[in-house]
Protein backbone atom coordinates (compact mmCIF):
# COMPACT_ATOMS: atom_id res chain seq x y z
CA MET A 1 127.18 123.51 98.33
CA ASN A 2 125.26 122.99 101.69
CA ARG A 3 121.47 122.85 101.82
CA ALA A 4 120.99 126.42 102.98
CA ALA A 5 123.23 127.83 100.28
CA ALA A 6 121.65 125.72 97.63
CA GLU A 7 118.28 126.95 98.45
CA SER A 8 119.20 130.62 98.73
CA ALA A 9 121.12 130.44 95.42
CA GLN A 10 117.98 129.51 93.52
CA SER A 11 116.33 131.88 91.18
CA GLY A 12 113.49 131.81 88.77
CA THR A 13 109.69 130.86 89.12
CA LEU A 14 108.80 129.99 92.60
CA LEU A 15 107.27 126.59 93.24
CA ARG A 16 106.14 125.60 96.68
CA VAL A 17 106.47 121.85 97.04
CA ASN A 18 104.99 120.02 100.11
CA VAL A 19 106.29 116.73 101.28
CA PHE A 20 106.77 114.42 104.30
CA SER A 21 110.10 114.20 105.88
CA VAL A 22 111.05 110.88 104.41
CA SER A 23 114.12 109.38 102.50
CA SER A 24 112.13 109.28 99.07
CA ASN A 25 112.68 113.00 98.96
CA LEU A 26 116.17 112.21 97.80
CA PRO A 27 115.59 113.42 94.24
CA LEU A 28 114.35 116.73 95.66
CA LEU A 29 117.33 117.16 97.94
CA VAL A 30 119.69 116.19 95.05
CA GLY A 31 117.95 118.65 92.80
CA LEU A 32 118.40 121.51 95.27
CA GLU A 33 121.97 120.46 96.19
CA ARG A 34 123.08 120.18 92.59
CA GLY A 35 121.21 123.17 91.18
CA ILE A 36 119.13 120.92 88.83
CA PHE A 37 115.86 122.79 89.51
CA ALA A 38 117.67 126.20 89.20
CA GLY A 39 118.99 125.02 85.93
CA ARG A 40 115.51 124.94 84.62
CA ASP A 41 114.70 128.48 86.02
CA LEU A 42 112.86 127.14 89.10
CA LYS A 43 113.07 128.27 92.65
CA ILE A 44 111.86 125.54 94.98
CA GLU A 45 110.47 126.19 98.34
CA LEU A 46 110.40 122.87 100.21
CA GLN A 47 107.73 122.54 102.81
CA TYR A 48 107.24 119.63 105.27
CA THR A 49 103.84 118.45 106.44
CA PRO A 50 103.21 116.94 109.78
CA ASN A 51 100.34 114.75 108.24
CA SER A 52 98.30 114.08 105.11
CA ASP A 53 95.21 115.90 106.38
CA GLN A 54 97.10 119.12 106.51
CA GLN A 55 98.73 118.45 103.15
CA ARG A 56 95.51 117.75 101.35
CA GLU A 57 93.85 120.85 102.88
CA GLY A 58 97.00 122.98 102.07
CA LEU A 59 96.97 121.98 98.40
CA ALA A 60 93.28 122.73 98.03
CA ALA A 61 93.77 126.05 99.74
CA GLY A 62 96.54 127.08 97.34
CA ARG A 63 99.16 127.14 100.16
CA PHE A 64 101.50 125.34 97.73
CA GLU A 65 101.61 124.15 94.17
CA ILE A 66 102.78 120.62 94.21
CA ALA A 67 102.47 117.77 96.72
CA HIS A 68 104.42 114.50 96.89
CA ALA A 69 102.80 111.85 98.98
CA GLY A 70 101.09 108.49 98.85
CA ILE A 71 99.06 108.43 95.68
CA ASP A 72 95.90 107.58 97.59
CA ASN A 73 95.90 110.90 99.08
CA ALA A 74 95.12 112.37 95.61
CA VAL A 75 92.28 109.76 95.23
CA ALA A 76 90.88 110.80 98.57
CA MET A 77 90.84 114.56 97.64
CA VAL A 78 88.84 113.57 94.49
CA GLU A 79 86.48 111.07 96.18
CA SER A 80 85.93 112.56 99.66
CA ALA A 81 86.74 116.21 99.39
CA LYS A 82 85.43 116.45 95.77
CA GLU A 83 88.55 118.48 94.78
CA ASP A 84 89.74 118.55 91.16
CA VAL A 85 93.21 117.02 91.72
CA VAL A 86 95.27 115.33 89.18
CA ILE A 87 98.25 113.01 89.57
CA VAL A 88 101.09 113.90 87.21
CA MET A 89 104.04 111.71 88.12
CA GLY A 90 105.01 108.55 90.03
CA GLY A 91 107.92 108.18 92.45
CA ASP A 92 108.34 105.06 94.43
CA SER A 93 106.70 102.20 96.17
CA GLY A 94 106.88 103.77 99.57
CA MET A 95 109.33 101.08 100.94
CA ASN A 96 106.88 100.44 103.73
CA GLU A 97 107.06 97.58 106.11
CA PHE A 98 104.42 96.41 108.57
CA MET A 99 106.33 97.09 111.86
CA VAL A 100 105.27 95.87 115.29
CA ARG A 101 106.66 96.06 118.78
CA SER A 102 108.95 93.38 120.12
CA GLU A 103 106.28 91.74 122.22
CA ILE A 104 104.10 91.13 119.15
CA ALA A 105 104.86 87.64 117.97
CA SER A 106 101.90 87.19 115.44
CA PHE A 107 99.23 89.04 113.90
CA ALA A 108 96.88 87.64 116.48
CA ASP A 109 98.77 89.44 119.15
CA ILE A 110 97.67 92.76 117.84
CA ARG A 111 94.04 91.92 118.84
CA GLY A 112 92.75 94.53 121.39
CA LYS A 113 95.56 96.91 120.64
CA LEU A 114 96.18 100.17 118.61
CA LEU A 115 97.32 100.53 115.04
CA ALA A 116 99.42 103.72 114.51
CA VAL A 117 98.54 105.66 111.37
CA ASP A 118 99.06 109.07 109.79
CA ALA A 119 95.30 109.67 108.83
CA PRO A 120 92.74 106.99 109.48
CA ALA A 121 91.13 106.75 105.98
CA THR A 122 93.96 107.21 103.45
CA SER A 123 97.13 105.84 102.06
CA TYR A 124 99.24 103.60 104.24
CA ALA A 125 96.48 103.32 106.90
CA LEU A 126 94.40 101.46 104.35
CA VAL A 127 97.20 99.21 103.41
CA ALA A 128 97.75 98.28 107.13
CA LYS A 129 93.92 97.68 107.49
CA LYS A 130 94.07 95.44 104.37
CA ILE A 131 97.13 93.50 105.74
CA LEU A 132 95.38 93.00 109.14
CA LYS A 133 92.07 91.97 107.36
CA ASN A 134 93.94 89.36 105.32
CA ASN A 135 95.11 88.11 108.68
CA GLY A 136 91.59 87.86 110.25
CA LEU A 137 91.64 91.24 112.16
CA ILE A 138 88.88 93.85 111.52
CA GLU A 139 89.10 97.50 112.63
CA GLY A 140 86.67 98.27 115.46
CA ARG A 141 86.19 94.62 116.27
CA ASP A 142 89.69 93.49 116.90
CA TYR A 143 91.86 96.61 116.99
CA THR A 144 91.54 100.48 117.20
CA VAL A 145 93.27 103.01 114.89
CA LYS A 146 95.04 105.97 116.33
CA ALA A 147 96.35 108.86 114.28
CA VAL A 148 99.78 109.91 115.38
CA GLY A 149 101.19 111.69 112.21
CA GLY A 150 103.56 111.03 109.28
CA THR A 151 106.31 108.44 109.25
CA GLN A 152 108.90 110.18 111.55
CA PRO A 153 106.56 110.96 114.42
CA ARG A 154 104.67 107.63 113.84
CA ALA A 155 107.98 105.64 114.21
CA ALA A 156 108.89 107.67 117.34
CA ALA A 157 105.45 106.99 118.85
CA MET A 158 105.57 103.32 118.24
CA ALA A 159 108.98 103.07 119.85
CA SER A 160 107.85 104.99 122.99
CA THR A 161 104.30 103.97 123.40
CA PRO A 162 103.69 100.34 124.36
CA GLU A 163 99.90 100.60 123.37
CA LEU A 164 100.81 101.30 119.71
CA ALA A 165 101.40 97.72 118.73
CA ALA A 166 101.87 98.17 114.94
CA GLY A 167 102.07 100.57 111.87
CA MET A 168 103.57 101.16 108.57
CA VAL A 169 107.13 102.56 108.58
CA ASN A 170 109.67 103.23 105.83
CA PRO A 171 113.37 104.07 105.78
CA PRO A 172 115.33 105.46 107.44
CA PHE A 173 112.89 105.02 110.39
CA SER A 174 112.28 101.39 109.61
CA PHE A 175 115.97 100.85 110.35
CA THR A 176 116.36 103.13 113.27
CA ILE A 177 113.40 101.74 115.24
CA ARG A 178 114.77 98.26 114.81
CA ASP A 179 117.54 99.46 117.21
CA GLN A 180 114.86 100.17 119.69
CA GLY A 181 113.39 96.67 119.57
CA LEU A 182 110.80 96.86 116.81
CA LYS A 183 110.58 94.28 114.04
CA SER A 184 109.04 93.78 110.68
CA PHE A 185 106.22 91.34 109.63
CA GLY A 186 107.10 92.09 105.92
CA ARG A 187 107.18 94.45 103.15
CA VAL A 188 104.05 95.86 101.48
CA GLY A 189 104.75 94.24 98.26
CA ASP A 190 105.05 90.80 99.92
CA LEU A 191 101.87 91.28 101.99
CA VAL A 192 99.35 92.90 99.57
CA GLY A 193 101.15 92.90 96.07
CA PRO A 194 102.50 95.78 93.84
CA TYR A 195 101.80 99.34 95.36
CA GLN A 196 102.23 102.77 93.83
CA ALA A 197 103.02 105.02 96.70
CA THR A 198 104.74 108.39 96.54
CA SER A 199 103.55 110.43 93.62
CA ALA A 200 103.24 114.07 92.65
CA TYR A 201 99.81 115.62 92.37
CA VAL A 202 98.46 119.22 91.63
CA MET A 203 95.16 120.95 91.33
CA ARG A 204 94.05 120.36 87.76
CA LYS A 205 93.30 124.03 87.09
CA TRP A 206 96.86 125.13 88.24
CA GLY A 207 98.35 122.42 86.06
CA ARG A 208 96.53 123.65 83.01
CA GLU A 209 97.42 127.29 83.60
CA ASN A 210 101.12 126.55 84.33
CA ALA A 211 101.80 123.60 82.02
CA PHE A 212 105.31 124.78 80.96
CA VAL A 213 106.49 125.38 84.54
CA LEU A 214 105.06 121.89 85.74
CA GLU A 215 106.80 120.16 82.79
CA SER A 216 109.94 121.96 83.65
CA TYR A 217 109.63 120.79 87.22
CA ILE A 218 108.98 117.20 86.24
CA ALA A 219 111.96 117.23 83.89
CA ALA A 220 114.25 118.54 86.63
CA TYR A 221 112.89 115.88 88.99
CA ILE A 222 113.68 113.17 86.58
CA GLU A 223 117.15 114.54 86.06
CA ALA A 224 117.56 114.27 89.83
CA VAL A 225 116.20 110.80 90.17
CA ARG A 226 118.81 109.78 87.41
CA TYR A 227 121.62 111.42 89.28
CA ALA A 228 120.53 109.84 92.70
CA MET A 229 120.23 106.32 91.09
CA ASN A 230 123.59 106.46 89.29
CA PRO A 231 125.85 103.96 91.11
CA ALA A 232 128.86 106.38 90.51
CA ASN A 233 127.11 108.94 93.05
CA ARG A 234 126.40 106.34 95.78
CA ALA A 235 128.86 107.81 98.32
CA GLU A 236 127.57 111.35 97.76
CA MET A 237 123.94 110.15 98.14
CA VAL A 238 124.73 108.26 101.37
CA ASP A 239 126.44 111.47 102.76
CA LEU A 240 123.37 113.58 101.75
CA LEU A 241 121.02 111.03 103.48
CA ALA A 242 123.11 111.03 106.60
CA ALA A 243 123.36 114.82 106.77
CA ARG A 244 119.62 115.51 106.14
CA PHE A 245 118.29 112.82 108.53
CA LYS A 246 121.18 112.98 111.00
CA LEU A 247 121.92 109.32 110.43
CA GLU A 248 124.91 107.02 111.27
CA SER A 249 126.70 106.08 108.09
CA ALA A 250 125.64 102.38 108.39
CA ILE A 251 121.93 103.42 108.54
CA ALA A 252 122.35 105.92 105.68
CA GLU A 253 123.92 103.14 103.52
CA ARG A 254 120.97 100.77 104.33
CA THR A 255 118.51 103.56 103.48
CA TYR A 256 120.24 104.22 100.12
CA GLY A 257 120.23 100.51 99.47
CA ALA A 258 116.42 100.38 100.08
CA LEU A 259 115.98 103.30 97.69
CA MET A 260 117.86 101.52 95.05
CA THR A 261 116.18 98.17 95.38
CA PRO A 262 114.08 97.41 92.17
CA GLY A 263 110.38 97.07 92.86
CA PHE A 264 110.83 98.36 96.47
CA GLY A 265 112.64 101.71 96.16
CA MET A 266 112.61 104.59 93.68
CA ALA A 267 111.19 103.97 90.27
CA ALA A 268 113.46 104.87 87.33
CA ASP A 269 112.60 108.14 85.95
CA ALA A 270 109.83 108.44 88.51
CA ARG A 271 107.54 106.30 86.38
CA LEU A 272 104.07 105.52 87.71
CA ASP A 273 103.46 101.86 88.27
CA MET A 274 99.99 101.27 86.82
CA ALA A 275 99.60 97.85 88.32
CA GLY A 276 100.54 99.35 91.62
CA PHE A 277 98.05 102.16 91.25
CA ARG A 278 95.29 99.70 90.31
CA ASN A 279 96.05 97.84 93.49
CA VAL A 280 95.80 101.12 95.51
CA LEU A 281 92.29 101.65 94.10
CA ALA A 282 91.35 98.06 94.78
CA ILE A 283 92.39 98.41 98.36
CA ARG A 284 90.69 101.69 98.76
CA ALA A 285 87.44 100.24 97.14
CA GLU A 286 87.61 97.23 99.57
CA ILE A 287 88.42 99.05 102.81
CA GLU A 288 86.72 102.26 102.38
CA GLY A 289 83.79 101.16 100.09
CA MET A 290 83.70 103.54 97.13
CA GLY A 291 80.38 101.80 96.13
CA GLY A 292 82.10 98.36 96.03
CA THR A 293 83.69 99.00 92.51
CA VAL A 294 87.19 99.83 91.54
CA PRO A 295 87.30 102.98 89.60
CA ALA A 296 89.47 103.38 86.39
CA PRO A 297 92.85 104.82 87.00
CA ASP A 298 92.44 107.43 84.19
CA LYS A 299 89.87 109.39 86.34
CA TYR A 300 92.78 110.58 88.46
CA LEU A 301 95.69 110.82 85.98
CA ASP A 302 97.11 113.28 83.54
CA LEU A 303 100.47 111.96 82.50
CA SER A 304 100.73 114.26 79.56
CA TYR A 305 102.86 116.65 81.50
CA TYR A 306 105.27 113.76 82.34
CA GLU A 307 105.31 112.65 78.82
CA ARG A 308 106.22 116.17 77.63
CA ALA A 309 108.92 116.46 80.31
CA VAL A 310 110.53 113.24 79.11
CA GLN A 311 110.60 114.69 75.63
CA LYS A 312 112.44 117.77 77.04
CA LEU A 313 115.08 115.48 78.32
CA SER A 314 115.67 113.70 75.09
């Protein structure tokens, strides 16, 4: 079943799900393609956001019910926008690498240049700032941040704009821009430690009022993760990635390989990495302030929906 047919064949409760156009959406694509969401009486309307600012604003305004993005975006909604948001599920580590243009031979070469980011004060921008701080570079003093959008437009901008010296990029774009001369200074996990990236979050009130639907969605998502991570389905998943992102088969293979890399790609059953989340909070506290203290993770989490979803599967 092709993508359009899969989406039109759905029936049931409508859920609008907002995401970035990245390879970690593979479970969502599988769930649509294989009818996994429809099997739990859910109709998924998949929306793509150009940047995290619009995603956070859209969730708060009720333009969709569920967001999948870097977990720090949910923290930012609570701390900066004072929105009652709750994280309900993990996803993956983000598979980000600190990518630079070919002429950049060391971190010192970034001095006086631009760092490409999605939004200046959230998620992977904070990781990039932490990496640069660890290497002696401070925003405003040594480099300037420029917002250019999510991973796909960010990668394209870095490849075409010499002034954009560095930025965080994940598959498949971290592979495709290598063909355009860019290179990696390392993976996030190697540069700053464990990191919880893509997660699902909702408005707390909506979650309370729609608990059964949310649990059904999470259960279907976990089913799709299990299908995507099954080695027997590798060829099908590579073909799906190639079709969705218009990739050559070799790049689609490398992208799927990254998604399957333990500690780097997708988490089994979309579990939340608590050590990775604590590191996210520590990085935000260090880079953005937050009173200088690292808040407790529980402030932002309600994993009871996830736990009940797992029970549905067993």
